[in-house]
Structures are given as structure tokens and as C-alpha cells.
């Protein structure tokens, strides 16, 4: 299926799939939201690497603590054009201190390569980065961000704080919801009025423009409810051959010539 998009004309599919694909039939809607969760996900090697990172970090924490829980934060720097959310390290520390304990382990996801930039956070929290826990030259470097997202969504991750407007951060929110974390464990560091926006579950059931700047509970609301008996059979999925030829289509879709040929053959 091809959807024509043209940003200069004001339409562009730069948003979450569930904000433009919806079904009026409730069970069908739930089926497809569940289908996306269960079948459209990262590859197995990404999950395995993330599991290894979580186990290593949990083991490190158990040596010095009575628990293996930690928090995670995504600090987007790079080419981010939204000045209001591109705040200083001290501002990040001040924001995080409202819900993260002093000296709490903090797993950091960031495109900032200068480690000295994080010093204000290191003064209050125990910082861990992916390369502290995973050195594997065989891994595709393009998958490292995916691994970080899964670590931030793991059951061991007590809270997650993201960068507003970042789709990288917002996908962590959806993953955390998929894995059973409460929306009250997700925060934004800035701007101030967005810090707790994910906590308003009811408001998030109705996505609003511009849609992409955060995730919405519509993606996971009631996703595991049992189907009514009359809907227990999965919606029919039509299997198509690898290459669809003209002769594979039903006669009524091929035009009058094909229909005439069919009648001629059956005489």
C-alpha cells in the first residue's frame, strides 16, 4: 500500500501508525494493535543483547546494593531543533532529582559523546552507558540505539525520563507500557508543563496534533482484554504469492477481456 505524502502540501505520515489506522469495531481494533505489538518488533539479536546488558547491570548493582533496580534517561542533543528541550546538564540534574534518588543508578541513552558534559549528573547519580556494559564488535552499530531502548523498557528499570519531541524517547514509553510499566513511571525533563504529561491516561486516549511528539495510551489501552466469543477467530489475512501476476487476480478484477476468455475456456 502506498500513501502519497508531500510535506510542502501539509500532509506527511510522520506519526504513529495508530493515529491514522483505526477500526470502528472494538475487538478488531484491539486485534491489530496487539498484532503490531507482538509481530512488528526488533530482531532477536537486539533482544538478546539488551537482555545481556540488563543482566550485567543488575549483577553490578547487586554487589553494592540490596536490589537490582535502576532508572534510565534519554538525553537528546545532536541536531535537535527544539530549543526549549535542549537544556543544560545542570537543568537535567535538577529535573531528575524530583523523582530519582540521590546516588541511584542511572542508565544513560544519549547522542552526546563528550562524557565530561554529564559531570553534573555524575555528581548525584551513578551513571552507566551502553559501552560500559557491552563490547561486541560483531553487532551492527545501527542497532545500538534499539538495544538501549529495550534496556530502558526492562522490568528492572524503575523510571524513564525522555526528551520531549523525540520519537526515540516516545517509543521507549510505548515499550514500557507494552511490558507492564505504569504511565506514572515516565517523565519528560523539559519543558516544565510537559514533565508529567504521560501520567494523564484518559487525556492520552484521544491523540491530538501534532501526534508524533509523544506516545498515546491509545496504542496499548485494553490491548490484552479477552476477545468476545464471536470475535475469537482472527480476521482473515489474505496470503499473496511472492510475485503477483495478472492471472492471479479474480476474473471480475481483470476486466472484460479476461472474463470473456474465461467464458470461452468453459464452453
Protein backbone atom coordinates (compact mmCIF):
# COMPACT_ATOMS: atom_id res chain seq x y z
CA UNK A 1 0.00 0.00 0.00
CA UNK A 2 1.42 3.39 -0.94
CA UNK A 3 0.35 6.58 0.78
CA UNK A 4 1.28 9.71 -1.15
CA UNK A 5 2.89 12.31 1.10
CA UNK A 6 4.09 15.80 0.44
CA UNK A 7 5.24 17.93 3.36
CA UNK A 8 5.03 21.14 1.31
CA UNK A 9 1.29 20.49 0.83
CA UNK A 10 0.79 19.90 4.54
CA UNK A 11 0.40 16.12 4.68
CA UNK A 12 3.12 13.75 5.80
CA UNK A 13 2.90 10.36 7.54
CA UNK A 14 5.43 11.28 10.17
CA UNK A 15 3.49 9.94 13.10
CA UNK A 16 2.43 6.79 14.93
CA UNK A 17 0.55 4.20 12.88
CA UNK A 18 -2.36 4.02 15.35
CA UNK A 19 -3.19 7.70 14.88
CA UNK A 20 -4.34 7.13 11.29
CA UNK A 21 -5.34 3.43 11.26
CA UNK A 22 -8.38 2.85 13.47
CA UNK A 23 -11.28 0.42 13.42
CA UNK A 24 -14.83 1.13 14.48
CA UNK A 25 -15.21 -2.47 15.68
CA UNK A 26 -13.57 -2.68 19.11
CA UNK A 27 -12.28 -6.27 19.05
CA UNK A 28 -10.84 -5.80 15.55
CA UNK A 29 -9.10 -2.63 16.72
CA UNK A 30 -7.60 -4.47 19.70
CA UNK A 31 -6.55 -7.38 17.48
CA UNK A 32 -4.48 -5.18 15.19
CA UNK A 33 -2.93 -3.14 17.98
CA UNK A 34 -1.94 -6.44 19.61
CA UNK A 35 -0.71 -7.75 16.25
CA UNK A 36 1.63 -4.76 15.87
CA UNK A 37 2.98 -5.23 19.39
CA UNK A 38 3.60 -8.95 19.02
CA UNK A 39 4.87 -9.14 15.44
CA UNK A 40 6.33 -5.78 14.43
CA UNK A 41 9.34 -5.51 16.72
CA UNK A 42 13.13 -5.54 16.80
CA UNK A 43 15.04 -8.63 15.72
CA UNK A 44 16.07 -11.40 18.10
CA UNK A 45 19.75 -10.35 18.27
CA UNK A 46 18.69 -6.93 19.59
CA UNK A 47 16.60 -8.52 22.35
CA UNK A 48 19.42 -10.90 23.27
CA UNK A 49 21.97 -8.09 23.52
CA UNK A 50 19.59 -5.96 25.61
CA UNK A 51 18.95 -8.89 27.95
CA UNK A 52 22.69 -9.33 28.39
CA UNK A 53 23.13 -5.65 29.24
CA UNK A 54 20.31 -5.75 31.81
CA UNK A 55 21.78 -8.88 33.45
CA UNK A 56 25.25 -7.34 33.62
CA UNK A 57 23.96 -4.09 35.08
CA UNK A 58 21.73 -5.91 37.58
CA UNK A 59 24.70 -8.05 38.68
CA UNK A 60 26.85 -4.96 39.20
CA UNK A 61 24.16 -3.36 41.32
CA UNK A 62 23.59 -6.44 43.47
CA UNK A 63 27.23 -6.35 44.51
CA UNK A 64 26.83 -2.93 46.15
CA UNK A 65 23.07 -2.74 46.76
CA UNK A 66 20.24 -4.86 48.12
CA UNK A 67 18.31 -4.51 44.84
CA UNK A 68 18.99 -4.54 41.11
CA UNK A 69 16.71 -1.70 40.03
CA UNK A 70 17.84 1.43 38.20
CA UNK A 71 16.41 4.37 36.28
CA UNK A 72 17.10 5.42 32.70
CA UNK A 73 17.24 8.72 30.86
CA UNK A 74 17.40 9.70 27.19
CA UNK A 75 19.23 12.99 26.68
CA UNK A 76 18.89 14.09 23.07
CA UNK A 77 21.46 16.64 21.95
CA UNK A 78 22.67 16.36 18.34
CA UNK A 79 20.69 18.24 15.71
CA UNK A 80 17.62 18.72 17.89
CA UNK A 81 15.90 21.89 16.71
CA UNK A 82 13.57 22.37 19.70
CA UNK A 83 15.47 24.82 21.89
CA UNK A 84 13.08 24.53 24.85
CA UNK A 85 14.04 20.89 25.43
CA UNK A 86 17.75 21.26 24.70
CA UNK A 87 18.70 22.07 28.27
CA UNK A 88 21.98 22.05 30.19
CA UNK A 89 23.33 19.11 32.18
CA UNK A 90 22.59 21.03 35.38
CA UNK A 91 18.97 21.51 34.28
CA UNK A 92 18.73 17.76 33.59
CA UNK A 93 20.10 17.05 37.06
CA UNK A 94 17.60 19.44 38.68
CA UNK A 95 14.69 17.85 36.81
CA UNK A 96 15.73 14.26 37.52
CA UNK A 97 16.27 14.96 41.22
CA UNK A 98 12.50 15.37 41.62
CA UNK A 99 11.88 11.64 41.00
CA UNK A 100 15.27 9.90 41.08
CA UNK A 101 17.02 9.27 44.38
CA UNK A 102 20.48 10.62 45.13
CA UNK A 103 23.13 8.06 44.14
CA UNK A 104 20.55 5.95 42.29
CA UNK A 105 21.99 4.00 39.32
CA UNK A 106 21.10 5.78 36.06
CA UNK A 107 21.41 4.20 32.61
CA UNK A 108 22.07 6.96 30.07
CA UNK A 109 20.93 6.95 26.44
CA UNK A 110 22.39 9.89 24.56
CA UNK A 111 23.99 11.05 21.33
CA UNK A 112 26.31 13.32 23.38
CA UNK A 113 29.82 11.86 23.01
CA UNK A 114 31.61 14.20 25.43
CA UNK A 115 31.44 12.38 28.78
CA UNK A 116 32.56 15.47 30.69
CA UNK A 117 29.23 17.10 29.75
CA UNK A 118 27.50 14.64 32.12
CA UNK A 119 29.53 15.64 35.19
CA UNK A 120 26.67 17.47 36.97
CA UNK A 121 24.61 14.26 36.73
CA UNK A 122 27.56 12.12 37.82
CA UNK A 123 27.79 14.24 40.97
CA UNK A 124 24.32 13.00 42.04
CA UNK A 125 23.75 9.65 40.31
CA UNK A 126 25.69 6.52 39.37
CA UNK A 127 25.93 6.77 35.60
CA UNK A 128 26.10 3.78 33.27
CA UNK A 129 26.40 3.88 29.49
CA UNK A 130 25.93 1.10 26.95
CA UNK A 131 29.64 0.80 26.20
CA UNK A 132 30.30 0.25 29.93
CA UNK A 133 28.28 -2.95 29.72
CA UNK A 134 28.53 -4.21 26.15
CA UNK A 135 31.60 -4.58 23.96
CA UNK A 136 30.71 -6.65 20.92
CA UNK A 137 32.39 -5.79 17.62
CA UNK A 138 30.06 -8.14 15.73
CA UNK A 139 26.97 -6.06 16.50
CA UNK A 140 25.61 -3.76 13.83
CA UNK A 141 26.26 -0.24 15.21
CA UNK A 142 22.88 0.84 13.81
CA UNK A 143 21.23 -1.44 16.38
CA UNK A 144 22.87 0.06 19.47
CA UNK A 145 20.09 2.61 19.95
CA UNK A 146 17.50 -0.17 19.75
CA UNK A 147 19.36 -2.09 22.45
CA UNK A 148 19.37 0.99 24.66
CA UNK A 149 15.61 1.40 24.21
CA UNK A 150 14.94 -2.17 25.32
CA UNK A 151 17.18 -1.74 28.37
CA UNK A 152 15.25 1.42 29.28
CA UNK A 153 12.00 -0.56 29.00
CA UNK A 154 13.14 -3.59 31.00
CA UNK A 155 11.39 -4.72 34.21
CA UNK A 156 14.49 -3.64 36.17
CA UNK A 157 14.14 -0.01 35.00
CA UNK A 158 12.20 1.81 37.72
CA UNK A 159 11.66 5.12 35.88
CA UNK A 160 12.42 6.56 32.47
CA UNK A 161 12.88 10.24 31.62
CA UNK A 162 12.85 11.27 27.99
CA UNK A 163 13.36 14.23 25.72
CA UNK A 164 10.07 15.73 24.60
CA UNK A 165 9.59 15.82 20.80
CA UNK A 166 11.98 12.88 20.41
CA UNK A 167 10.36 9.85 18.77
CA UNK A 168 13.26 7.80 20.18
CA UNK A 169 12.13 8.70 23.70
CA UNK A 170 8.46 8.24 22.97
CA UNK A 171 8.95 4.72 21.61
CA UNK A 172 10.52 3.80 24.96
CA UNK A 173 7.25 4.95 26.55
CA UNK A 174 5.28 2.57 24.33
CA UNK A 175 7.68 -0.31 25.02
CA UNK A 176 7.41 0.30 28.77
CA UNK A 177 3.61 0.22 28.51
CA UNK A 178 3.78 -3.00 26.48
CA UNK A 179 5.94 -4.56 29.21
CA UNK A 180 3.65 -3.54 32.06
CA UNK A 181 5.18 -0.34 33.44
CA UNK A 182 2.72 2.24 34.72
CA UNK A 183 2.49 5.56 32.89
CA UNK A 184 3.41 7.28 36.16
CA UNK A 185 6.98 5.97 35.74
CA UNK A 186 7.57 8.02 32.56
CA UNK A 187 8.69 11.65 32.70
CA UNK A 188 9.99 14.43 30.48
CA UNK A 189 12.74 16.75 31.73
CA UNK A 190 11.52 19.79 29.81
CA UNK A 191 9.59 21.94 29.18
CA UNK A 192 8.07 22.21 32.66
CA UNK A 193 4.45 21.82 31.52
CA UNK A 194 5.27 18.50 29.81
CA UNK A 195 7.08 16.76 32.68
CA UNK A 196 4.09 14.68 33.79
CA UNK A 197 2.03 14.70 30.57
CA UNK A 198 2.22 10.91 30.21
CA UNK A 199 0.56 10.47 33.62
CA UNK A 200 -2.82 11.69 32.29
CA UNK A 201 -4.03 8.38 30.91
CA UNK A 202 -7.55 9.44 29.95
CA UNK A 203 -6.41 12.51 28.01
CA UNK A 204 -3.93 10.35 26.10
CA UNK A 205 -6.68 8.10 24.77
CA UNK A 206 -7.52 10.86 22.29
CA UNK A 207 -4.35 11.79 20.34
CA UNK A 208 -4.10 15.38 19.19
CA UNK A 209 -1.98 17.30 16.71
CA UNK A 210 0.95 17.07 16.02
CA UNK A 211 0.69 13.42 17.20
CA UNK A 212 4.37 12.43 16.77
CA UNK A 213 5.79 14.43 19.68
CA UNK A 214 4.82 11.75 22.24
CA UNK A 215 3.17 8.34 22.50
CA UNK A 216 -0.52 7.96 23.36
CA UNK A 217 -2.20 5.32 25.58
CA UNK A 218 -4.46 4.55 22.63
CA UNK A 219 -1.61 2.27 21.44
CA UNK A 220 -1.87 -0.07 24.43
CA UNK A 221 -5.21 0.63 26.15
CA UNK A 222 -7.07 -2.65 26.89
CA UNK A 223 -4.74 -4.43 24.46
CA UNK A 224 -4.84 -7.71 26.38
CA UNK A 225 -8.57 -7.91 27.04
CA UNK A 226 -10.11 -11.26 26.11
CA UNK A 227 -11.99 -11.25 22.83
CA UNK A 228 -15.77 -11.84 22.85
CA UNK A 229 -16.63 -15.35 21.65
CA UNK A 230 -17.96 -14.15 18.30
CA UNK A 231 -14.59 -12.49 17.58
CA UNK A 232 -12.28 -15.33 18.63
CA UNK A 233 -11.44 -16.20 15.03
CA UNK A 234 -8.66 -13.95 13.75
CA UNK A 235 -9.63 -11.55 10.97
CA UNK A 236 -8.89 -13.24 7.64
CA UNK A 237 -5.44 -12.45 6.29
CA UNK A 238 -5.16 -12.98 2.54
CA UNK A 239 -1.94 -14.75 1.52
CA UNK A 240 -0.49 -13.47 -1.72
CA UNK A 241 2.24 -15.13 -3.83
CA UNK A 242 5.75 -13.57 -3.71
CA UNK A 243 5.10 -12.08 -7.17
CA UNK A 244 1.55 -11.16 -8.04
CA UNK A 245 0.82 -11.80 -11.74
CA UNK A 246 -2.18 -10.74 -13.81
CA UNK A 247 -3.52 -14.29 -13.83
CA UNK A 248 -3.50 -14.46 -10.02
CA UNK A 249 -6.32 -11.93 -9.73
CA UNK A 250 -10.01 -12.95 -9.67
CA UNK A 251 -11.66 -12.75 -13.09
CA UNK A 252 -14.02 -9.97 -12.06
CA UNK A 253 -11.00 -7.76 -11.30
CA UNK A 254 -9.25 -8.33 -14.63
CA UNK A 255 -11.69 -6.55 -16.88
CA UNK A 256 -13.99 -7.66 -19.66
CA UNK A 257 -11.28 -9.28 -21.77
CA UNK A 258 -10.31 -11.73 -19.02
CA UNK A 259 -13.96 -12.53 -18.33
CA UNK A 260 -14.56 -13.21 -21.99
CA UNK A 261 -11.53 -15.51 -22.13
CA UNK A 262 -12.79 -17.39 -19.07
CA UNK A 263 -16.23 -17.90 -20.65
CA UNK A 264 -14.57 -19.08 -23.85
CA UNK A 265 -12.50 -21.68 -21.95
CA UNK A 266 -15.52 -23.03 -20.08
CA UNK A 267 -17.70 -23.58 -23.14
